Amino acid sequence: MAICGWGSISCDQNEIGTYLIENGYAALFPRMWSALQKFTVKGNWKSQGFKNLTDMLKGYKYATNISVDFGRELVKVGAIPLLLSAFEKLDHNDKHAYELINPILGNLHNIIRVNNSHRPYYRKENAVTILERFLDSSNIELKMFSLLILAYIVEEDDNKHLGDKGVIEFLVNLLKAAVSTKSHVACRSRGLSSLGVYSAMEILDGLNHLAVNDDNKVAIDKIKGIPIITRMLQEEFTVEEQRLAAEALWNLAFIEPIRQNIVEKGVIPALEKLQNSENPDLRQACVSALWQIKSGDQTTSVPNQPPKYEDAVSQGAQSQQQTPRIMISYQWDSQERVMQIRDKLTAAGYEVWMDVTNMKGDILHAMAQGVENSVAILMCMSEKYKESRSCRSEATYAYKLGKTIVPLLLEPGYQPDG
């Protein structure tokens, strides 16, 4: 954990967040916001009140950047609708309004970046529509902030729409600029206050979220994003940068032509070297990427038609001389409901396997054994299931082995499309 100095205090960043929460700084946000709102009216840009409001937001932006818990507390006190409501009366083309819009977007970005479970709060307040208007802005700073927030909160239909607006090409070009610098950052904009940089990590993390959509995967490949991402596997990049690059390649490799392109680009040796890293997260990302990249070379043929469940059960019982096993494939956030399904199946006489310990270590080996030793896979579909690389690896492997797949719609209103 990074050590930081704050005033005369030198302490852990999480401790700063805890200190601010315990002293009511998060709970104070709605009152301060309400008291200072009158200074956002056009014509008050030079007032002391306006300066106080922007300074307040910059302070909160700092706190949300260093503390997950502080961002969570802001969500609890209703900060999301308050921050988004400001855009109703702010003109983002006004250079004075920019001084206020910048820290508002900064807070919104920090809160969702460190905890994606806040997405429903953003969507409830129509954040996608509100933030999309910045995508055509000539101000790179505002465009980039909005893009990175949208990357965390969009769902399938929104995701493809963003790709159609040239967002993928913009981010890939910005990533190229970032990895080409010694510090791995790209300038946000020039000639404005609150200057800063976007790191390669921030940009690639946004791309990874957008690449949940398969059309966006194709777009990344088409505009030659793979060599840029692959470059981040090199030694001069940090472990976290390498991990994000490996996860990106894992994600892209689900599309067969892209998988073949990754192989042709000679990425495998770099991943094989990093899979021996002492860092468990980097090691797992590389192992997973290699699994997906090499999976297309497996000799197992994919049947035109998976066997019917009754036939699979019969075959499984004959081969295993025991009750055939059903595997439940699900995203971790759905565990409570899935365990109820498991208990009902068990009570009905089925042998059921599901991961209830959030597998660590050789995750893919355990997953593969679970798929291989089951005659049918109960696939619990949800938006988060679709977004999970691990879940997609399970589903893809089950399909390649010709396992019977029984889809179960677990999230009301969700419409799976692939």
Protein backbone atom coordinates (compact mmCIF):
# COMPACT_ATOMS: atom_id res chain seq x y z
CA MET A 1 0.00 0.00 0.00
CA ALA A 2 1.34 3.38 -0.95
CA ILE A 3 2.29 5.74 1.83
CA CYS A 4 1.23 9.34 1.53
CA GLY A 5 1.58 12.61 3.33
CA TRP A 6 -1.56 14.58 4.09
CA GLY A 7 -0.90 17.85 5.89
CA SER A 8 1.48 16.97 8.69
CA ILE A 9 0.25 13.38 8.77
CA SER A 10 2.05 10.50 7.12
CA CYS A 11 -0.26 7.53 6.95
CA ASP A 12 -1.86 4.76 4.94
CA GLN A 13 -4.32 6.02 2.34
CA ASN A 14 -7.10 3.82 3.68
CA GLU A 15 -6.54 5.32 7.10
CA ILE A 16 -7.15 8.79 5.63
CA GLY A 17 -10.44 7.59 4.20
CA THR A 18 -11.47 6.06 7.51
CA TYR A 19 -10.49 9.23 9.36
CA LEU A 20 -12.58 11.38 7.02
CA ILE A 21 -15.60 9.07 7.37
CA GLU A 22 -15.39 8.90 11.15
CA ASN A 23 -15.21 12.69 11.34
CA GLY A 24 -18.33 13.16 9.22
CA TYR A 25 -16.70 14.49 6.04
CA ALA A 26 -18.71 12.17 3.78
CA ALA A 27 -21.98 12.80 5.64
CA LEU A 28 -21.39 16.55 5.31
CA PHE A 29 -21.43 16.44 1.49
CA PRO A 30 -25.19 17.02 0.90
CA ARG A 31 -25.28 20.02 3.27
CA MET A 32 -22.19 21.62 1.76
CA TRP A 33 -23.46 20.98 -1.76
CA SER A 34 -26.83 22.55 -1.01
CA ALA A 35 -25.31 25.57 0.72
CA LEU A 36 -22.95 26.32 -2.17
CA GLN A 37 -25.30 25.60 -5.11
CA LYS A 38 -26.25 29.24 -5.60
CA PHE A 39 -22.70 29.98 -6.68
CA THR A 40 -23.01 27.80 -9.79
CA VAL A 41 -25.36 30.34 -11.38
CA LYS A 42 -23.82 32.09 -14.39
CA GLY A 43 -22.24 35.36 -13.39
CA ASN A 44 -20.85 34.18 -10.05
CA TRP A 45 -17.73 32.51 -11.47
CA LYS A 46 -15.33 34.98 -9.82
CA SER A 47 -16.98 34.93 -6.41
CA GLN A 48 -15.39 33.46 -3.30
CA GLY A 49 -18.37 31.13 -3.02
CA PHE A 50 -17.66 29.60 -6.40
CA LYS A 51 -14.02 29.10 -5.44
CA ASN A 52 -15.17 27.41 -2.21
CA LEU A 53 -17.43 25.07 -4.17
CA THR A 54 -14.70 24.02 -6.60
CA ASP A 55 -12.22 23.58 -3.74
CA MET A 56 -14.77 21.45 -1.88
CA LEU A 57 -15.24 19.19 -4.92
CA LYS A 58 -11.48 18.88 -5.42
CA GLY A 59 -11.14 17.80 -1.80
CA TYR A 60 -13.78 15.14 -2.24
CA LYS A 61 -12.15 14.09 -5.51
CA TYR A 62 -8.91 13.47 -3.61
CA ALA A 63 -10.74 11.44 -0.95
CA THR A 64 -12.63 9.28 -3.46
CA ASN A 65 -9.39 8.62 -5.31
CA ILE A 66 -7.63 7.11 -2.31
CA SER A 67 -10.45 5.36 -0.44
CA VAL A 68 -13.02 2.81 -1.63
CA ASP A 69 -14.89 3.17 1.66
CA PHE A 70 -15.15 6.94 1.33
CA GLY A 71 -16.70 6.61 -2.12
CA ARG A 72 -19.16 4.07 -0.72
CA GLU A 73 -20.17 6.50 2.01
CA LEU A 74 -20.76 9.27 -0.53
CA VAL A 75 -23.09 6.97 -2.44
CA LYS A 76 -24.99 6.25 0.78
CA VAL A 77 -25.61 9.94 1.46
CA GLY A 78 -26.96 10.54 -2.06
CA ALA A 79 -23.97 12.15 -3.76
CA ILE A 80 -24.54 10.54 -7.18
CA PRO A 81 -27.88 12.26 -8.00
CA LEU A 82 -26.58 15.55 -6.62
CA LEU A 83 -23.44 15.48 -8.77
CA LEU A 84 -25.32 14.48 -11.92
CA SER A 85 -28.02 17.10 -11.36
CA ALA A 86 -25.42 19.86 -11.73
CA PHE A 87 -25.19 19.24 -15.48
CA GLU A 88 -28.75 20.47 -15.96
CA LYS A 89 -27.61 24.09 -15.56
CA LEU A 90 -23.94 23.96 -16.54
CA ASP A 91 -22.78 24.68 -20.08
CA HIS A 92 -19.78 22.46 -20.73
CA ASN A 93 -18.64 24.82 -23.49
CA ASP A 94 -18.25 27.63 -20.96
CA LYS A 95 -14.61 27.78 -19.83
CA HIS A 96 -15.71 28.94 -16.37
CA ALA A 97 -18.18 26.09 -15.97
CA TYR A 98 -15.35 23.71 -16.84
CA GLU A 99 -13.71 24.56 -13.51
CA LEU A 100 -16.72 23.00 -11.80
CA ILE A 101 -17.48 20.21 -14.27
CA ASN A 102 -13.96 18.81 -14.04
CA PRO A 103 -14.01 17.90 -10.31
CA ILE A 104 -17.64 16.71 -10.58
CA LEU A 105 -16.63 14.23 -13.28
CA GLY A 106 -13.53 13.37 -11.27
CA ASN A 107 -15.64 12.35 -8.28
CA LEU A 108 -18.05 10.36 -10.45
CA HIS A 109 -15.12 8.57 -12.09
CA ASN A 110 -13.33 7.73 -8.84
CA ILE A 111 -16.46 6.36 -7.16
CA ILE A 112 -17.31 3.96 -9.99
CA ARG A 113 -13.71 3.09 -10.84
CA VAL A 114 -12.94 1.63 -7.44
CA ASN A 115 -16.33 -0.05 -6.94
CA ASN A 116 -18.30 -1.07 -10.02
CA SER A 117 -21.21 -2.27 -7.85
CA HIS A 118 -22.37 1.37 -7.76
CA ARG A 119 -23.45 1.14 -11.40
CA PRO A 120 -27.21 0.89 -10.63
CA TYR A 121 -27.08 4.27 -8.85
CA TYR A 122 -25.64 5.90 -11.97
CA ARG A 123 -28.08 4.26 -14.35
CA LYS A 124 -31.04 5.17 -12.16
CA GLU A 125 -30.11 8.84 -12.57
CA ASN A 126 -29.84 8.52 -16.36
CA ALA A 127 -26.08 9.00 -16.23
CA VAL A 128 -25.47 7.38 -19.63
CA THR A 129 -27.57 9.97 -21.46
CA ILE A 130 -26.21 12.85 -19.38
CA LEU A 131 -22.56 11.93 -19.96
CA GLU A 132 -22.88 11.03 -23.63
CA ARG A 133 -23.26 14.69 -24.51
CA PHE A 134 -19.62 15.22 -23.56
CA LEU A 135 -18.42 12.72 -26.17
CA ASP A 136 -18.63 15.32 -28.90
CA SER A 137 -16.88 17.96 -26.80
CA SER A 138 -13.74 19.58 -28.19
CA ASN A 139 -12.41 19.52 -24.64
CA ILE A 140 -10.36 16.31 -24.44
CA GLU A 141 -10.39 16.42 -20.65
CA LEU A 142 -14.18 16.28 -20.41
CA LYS A 143 -14.49 13.77 -23.22
CA MET A 144 -12.00 11.42 -21.58
CA PHE A 145 -13.50 11.67 -18.10
CA SER A 146 -16.96 10.92 -19.51
CA LEU A 147 -15.68 7.99 -21.54
CA LEU A 148 -14.03 6.34 -18.56
CA ILE A 149 -17.17 6.72 -16.44
CA LEU A 150 -19.38 5.39 -19.23
CA ALA A 151 -17.08 2.39 -19.67
CA TYR A 152 -18.05 1.26 -16.16
CA ILE A 153 -21.79 1.90 -16.32
CA VAL A 154 -22.92 1.00 -19.83
CA GLU A 155 -24.77 -2.21 -20.56
CA GLU A 156 -24.81 -4.23 -23.76
CA ASP A 157 -26.90 -1.95 -25.98
CA ASP A 158 -25.17 1.23 -24.74
CA ASN A 159 -21.79 -0.42 -25.16
CA LYS A 160 -22.16 -1.02 -28.89
CA HIS A 161 -23.56 2.49 -29.32
CA LEU A 162 -20.38 3.94 -27.82
CA GLY A 163 -18.30 1.89 -30.21
CA ASP A 164 -20.26 3.31 -33.13
CA LYS A 165 -19.35 6.84 -32.00
CA GLY A 166 -15.64 6.27 -32.52
CA VAL A 167 -14.92 5.83 -28.82
CA ILE A 168 -12.79 2.70 -29.28
CA GLU A 169 -10.49 4.36 -31.80
CA PHE A 170 -10.12 7.41 -29.54
CA LEU A 171 -9.13 5.27 -26.54
CA VAL A 172 -6.75 3.04 -28.51
CA ASN A 173 -4.97 6.11 -29.90
CA LEU A 174 -4.72 7.57 -26.41
CA LEU A 175 -3.36 4.27 -25.10
CA LYS A 176 -0.75 4.30 -27.85
CA ALA A 177 0.33 7.77 -26.75
CA ALA A 178 0.50 6.69 -23.11
CA VAL A 179 2.62 3.55 -23.60
CA SER A 180 5.04 5.53 -25.77
CA THR A 181 6.05 7.77 -22.87
CA LYS A 182 8.50 6.93 -20.13
CA SER A 183 5.88 7.50 -17.44
CA HIS A 184 3.17 5.61 -19.38
CA VAL A 185 0.76 8.54 -19.33
CA ALA A 186 -0.99 10.68 -21.91
CA CYS A 187 -1.79 14.38 -21.54
CA ARG A 188 -5.45 15.07 -20.90
CA SER A 189 -5.54 18.56 -22.38
CA ARG A 190 -3.63 21.80 -22.55
CA GLY A 191 -4.30 25.40 -21.68
CA LEU A 192 -6.70 24.59 -18.85
CA SER A 193 -6.37 24.44 -15.10
CA SER A 194 -6.50 21.17 -13.16
CA LEU A 195 -4.10 19.64 -15.65
CA GLY A 196 -3.26 16.01 -15.19
CA VAL A 197 -2.59 12.82 -17.09
CA TYR A 198 -4.40 9.65 -17.96
CA SER A 199 -2.33 6.60 -17.27
CA ALA A 200 -2.10 3.61 -19.55
CA MET A 201 -3.78 1.64 -16.77
CA GLU A 202 -6.82 3.93 -16.66
CA ILE A 203 -7.21 3.87 -20.42
CA LEU A 204 -6.80 0.11 -20.79
CA ASP A 205 -9.15 -0.54 -17.88
CA GLY A 206 -11.79 1.50 -19.71
CA LEU A 207 -11.15 -0.42 -22.93
CA ASN A 208 -11.45 -3.72 -21.08
CA HIS A 209 -14.90 -2.77 -19.84
CA LEU A 210 -16.05 -1.66 -23.29
CA ALA A 211 -14.65 -4.85 -24.84
CA VAL A 212 -17.28 -6.92 -23.06
CA ASN A 213 -19.18 -6.20 -26.27
CA ASP A 214 -17.89 -8.45 -29.06
CA ASP A 215 -18.25 -5.73 -31.71
CA ASN A 216 -15.91 -3.58 -29.64
CA LYS A 217 -13.42 -6.45 -29.46
CA VAL A 218 -13.41 -6.54 -33.24
CA ALA A 219 -12.97 -2.76 -33.38
CA ILE A 220 -9.91 -2.93 -31.08
CA ASP A 221 -8.35 -5.56 -33.31
CA LYS A 222 -9.23 -3.73 -36.52
CA ILE A 223 -7.47 -0.53 -35.48
CA LYS A 224 -4.36 -2.48 -34.44
CA GLY A 225 -4.87 -2.30 -30.71
CA ILE A 226 -3.33 -5.72 -29.99
CA PRO A 227 0.35 -4.70 -30.56
CA ILE A 228 -0.20 -1.72 -28.25
CA ILE A 229 -1.69 -3.89 -25.52
CA THR A 230 1.01 -6.53 -26.01
CA ARG A 231 3.70 -3.92 -25.48
CA MET A 232 2.44 -3.52 -21.91
CA LEU A 233 3.64 -7.06 -21.14
CA GLN A 234 7.24 -5.90 -21.36
CA GLU A 235 9.52 -5.58 -18.34
CA GLU A 236 9.45 -1.78 -18.14
CA PHE A 237 5.76 -1.87 -17.28
CA THR A 238 4.49 -2.41 -13.74
CA VAL A 239 2.91 -5.63 -12.53
CA GLU A 240 -0.51 -3.97 -12.53
CA GLU A 241 -0.05 -2.74 -16.10
CA GLN A 242 1.04 -6.21 -17.18
CA ARG A 243 -1.96 -7.77 -15.43
CA LEU A 244 -4.40 -5.46 -17.23
CA ALA A 245 -2.71 -6.24 -20.56
CA ALA A 246 -2.99 -10.00 -19.95
CA GLU A 247 -6.65 -9.62 -18.99
CA ALA A 248 -7.28 -7.60 -22.16
CA LEU A 249 -5.74 -10.33 -24.32
CA TRP A 250 -7.76 -12.96 -22.47
CA ASN A 251 -10.90 -10.97 -23.20
CA LEU A 252 -10.10 -10.40 -26.88
CA ALA A 253 -9.22 -14.06 -27.48
CA PHE A 254 -12.87 -15.13 -27.18
CA ILE A 255 -13.30 -14.06 -30.82
CA GLU A 256 -11.68 -16.73 -33.00
CA PRO A 257 -10.15 -14.49 -35.71
CA ILE A 258 -8.72 -12.25 -32.99
CA ARG A 259 -7.38 -15.29 -31.13
CA GLN A 260 -5.57 -16.35 -34.30
CA ASN A 261 -4.20 -12.83 -34.73
CA ILE A 262 -2.88 -12.85 -31.16
CA VAL A 263 -1.08 -16.13 -31.86
CA GLU A 264 0.41 -14.73 -35.07
CA LYS A 265 1.63 -11.63 -33.22
CA GLY A 266 3.87 -13.84 -31.07
CA VAL A 267 2.26 -12.92 -27.77
CA ILE A 268 2.40 -16.39 -26.24
CA PRO A 269 6.11 -16.33 -25.15
CA ALA A 270 5.60 -13.10 -23.21
CA LEU A 271 2.57 -14.52 -21.41
CA GLU A 272 4.37 -17.79 -20.69
CA LYS A 273 7.21 -15.87 -19.08
CA LEU A 274 4.88 -13.79 -16.91
CA GLN A 275 2.80 -16.79 -15.80
CA ASN A 276 5.69 -17.58 -13.45
CA SER A 277 5.42 -14.19 -11.75
CA GLU A 278 5.50 -14.00 -7.97
CA ASN A 279 2.41 -11.81 -8.12
CA PRO A 280 -0.65 -14.12 -7.93
CA ASP A 281 -2.98 -11.78 -9.82
CA LEU A 282 -0.58 -11.35 -12.72
CA ARG A 283 0.15 -15.06 -12.74
CA GLN A 284 -3.55 -15.93 -12.89
CA ALA A 285 -4.26 -13.38 -15.63
CA CYS A 286 -1.49 -14.83 -17.80
CA VAL A 287 -2.55 -18.43 -17.18
CA SER A 288 -6.13 -17.51 -18.10
CA ALA A 289 -5.07 -15.63 -21.24
CA LEU A 290 -2.92 -18.56 -22.36
CA TRP A 291 -5.81 -20.96 -21.71
CA GLN A 292 -8.11 -18.98 -23.98
CA ILE A 293 -5.50 -18.25 -26.65
CA LYS A 294 -4.40 -21.89 -26.89
CA SER A 295 -7.90 -23.35 -26.59
CA GLY A 296 -8.52 -22.95 -30.32
CA ASP A 297 -5.69 -25.41 -30.96
CA GLN A 298 -7.43 -28.18 -29.02
CA THR A 299 -8.27 -31.25 -31.07
CA THR A 300 -11.67 -31.60 -29.42
CA SER A 301 -14.26 -31.06 -32.10
CA VAL A 302 -17.40 -29.08 -31.43
CA PRO A 303 -20.52 -31.12 -32.21
CA ASN A 304 -23.14 -29.56 -34.44
CA GLN A 305 -25.81 -30.38 -31.89
CA PRO A 306 -25.13 -30.92 -28.15
CA PRO A 307 -26.69 -34.13 -26.82
CA LYS A 308 -30.10 -33.95 -25.24
CA TYR A 309 -30.01 -33.83 -21.47
CA GLU A 310 -31.69 -37.24 -21.12
CA ASP A 311 -29.08 -38.84 -23.41
CA ALA A 312 -26.24 -37.08 -21.59
CA VAL A 313 -27.52 -38.29 -18.23
CA SER A 314 -27.79 -41.83 -19.52
CA GLN A 315 -24.29 -41.75 -21.00
CA GLY A 316 -22.88 -40.17 -17.86
CA ALA A 317 -24.44 -42.74 -15.59
CA GLN A 318 -23.14 -45.59 -17.73
CA SER A 319 -19.59 -44.22 -17.91
CA GLN A 320 -19.27 -43.11 -14.31
CA GLN A 321 -21.38 -45.84 -12.68
CA GLN A 322 -22.81 -43.20 -10.35
CA THR A 323 -25.32 -40.40 -10.23
CA PRO A 324 -24.47 -38.06 -13.14
CA ARG A 325 -23.20 -34.68 -12.05
CA ILE A 326 -24.61 -31.27 -12.92
CA MET A 327 -22.29 -28.27 -12.75
CA ILE A 328 -23.70 -24.84 -11.97
CA SER A 329 -21.87 -22.01 -13.72
CA TYR A 330 -22.60 -18.61 -12.21
CA GLN A 331 -21.17 -15.20 -11.38
CA TRP A 332 -20.07 -14.81 -7.77
CA ASP A 333 -22.56 -12.07 -6.85
CA SER A 334 -25.43 -14.50 -7.51
CA GLN A 335 -24.20 -17.13 -5.09
CA GLU A 336 -27.01 -16.86 -2.52
CA ARG A 337 -29.73 -17.55 -5.08
CA VAL A 338 -27.68 -20.20 -6.86
CA MET A 339 -27.13 -22.13 -3.63
CA GLN A 340 -30.90 -22.34 -3.23
CA ILE A 341 -31.09 -23.88 -6.71
CA ARG A 342 -28.29 -26.29 -5.82
CA ASP A 343 -30.11 -27.40 -2.66
CA LYS A 344 -33.34 -28.07 -4.59
CA LEU A 345 -31.50 -30.11 -7.22
CA THR A 346 -29.69 -32.07 -4.54
CA ALA A 347 -32.97 -32.77 -2.77
CA ALA A 348 -34.38 -34.04 -6.07
CA GLY A 349 -31.58 -36.63 -6.25
CA TYR A 350 -29.01 -34.92 -8.49
CA GLU A 351 -25.32 -34.65 -7.76
CA VAL A 352 -24.43 -30.99 -8.12
CA TRP A 353 -21.05 -29.24 -8.23
CA MET A 354 -20.52 -25.52 -7.91
CA ASP A 355 -17.70 -23.35 -6.66
CA VAL A 356 -18.64 -21.98 -3.25
CA THR A 357 -15.20 -20.87 -2.12
CA ASN A 358 -14.30 -18.45 -4.94
CA MET A 359 -11.57 -20.73 -6.29
CA LYS A 360 -8.01 -19.60 -5.80
CA GLY A 361 -4.80 -20.99 -7.16
CA ASP A 362 -5.22 -22.95 -10.38
CA ILE A 363 -8.71 -21.65 -11.08
CA LEU A 364 -8.88 -22.85 -14.67
CA HIS A 365 -7.77 -26.38 -13.79
CA ALA A 366 -10.52 -26.62 -11.18
CA MET A 367 -13.03 -25.16 -13.63
CA ALA A 368 -11.97 -27.57 -16.36
CA GLN A 369 -12.37 -30.55 -14.05
CA GLY A 370 -15.79 -29.32 -13.03
CA VAL A 371 -16.89 -29.11 -16.68
CA GLU A 372 -15.24 -32.36 -17.73
CA ASN A 373 -16.76 -34.36 -14.87
CA SER A 374 -20.30 -33.10 -15.45
CA VAL A 375 -22.87 -34.26 -17.98
CA ALA A 376 -24.72 -30.95 -18.04
CA ILE A 377 -23.96 -27.33 -17.22
CA LEU A 378 -26.62 -25.12 -15.67
CA MET A 379 -25.63 -21.66 -16.90
CA CYS A 380 -27.03 -18.89 -14.66
CA MET A 381 -27.31 -15.90 -16.98
CA SER A 382 -27.05 -12.28 -15.82
CA GLU A 383 -25.40 -9.07 -16.97
CA LYS A 384 -22.44 -9.71 -14.67
CA TYR A 385 -22.16 -13.29 -15.94
CA LYS A 386 -21.85 -11.96 -19.47
CA GLU A 387 -19.18 -9.48 -18.36
CA SER A 388 -17.11 -12.05 -16.47
CA ARG A 389 -14.14 -13.48 -18.37
CA SER A 390 -14.03 -16.49 -16.05
CA CYS A 391 -17.69 -17.28 -16.65
CA ARG A 392 -17.27 -16.95 -20.38
CA SER A 393 -14.27 -19.30 -20.27
CA GLU A 394 -16.44 -21.87 -18.47
CA ALA A 395 -19.25 -21.52 -20.99
CA THR A 396 -16.89 -21.67 -23.98
CA TYR A 397 -15.09 -24.75 -22.66
CA ALA A 398 -18.38 -26.52 -21.93
CA TYR A 399 -19.55 -25.82 -25.49
CA LYS A 400 -16.28 -27.05 -27.01
CA LEU A 401 -16.59 -30.31 -25.09
CA GLY A 402 -20.14 -30.75 -26.34
CA LYS A 403 -21.67 -30.61 -22.89
CA THR A 404 -25.39 -30.09 -22.57
CA ILE A 405 -25.92 -26.46 -21.57
CA VAL A 406 -29.12 -25.49 -19.76
CA PRO A 407 -29.51 -21.68 -19.68
CA LEU A 408 -31.23 -20.21 -16.64
CA LEU A 409 -32.19 -16.54 -16.73
CA LEU A 410 -31.25 -15.34 -13.27
CA GLU A 411 -31.68 -11.57 -13.71
CA PRO A 412 -35.15 -10.19 -14.43
CA GLY A 413 -35.21 -8.08 -17.58
CA TYR A 414 -31.80 -9.24 -18.81
CA GLN A 415 -31.78 -10.39 -22.43
CA PRO A 416 -28.68 -12.45 -23.25
CA ASP A 417 -27.50 -11.99 -26.82
CA GLY A 418 -24.61 -14.35 -27.22
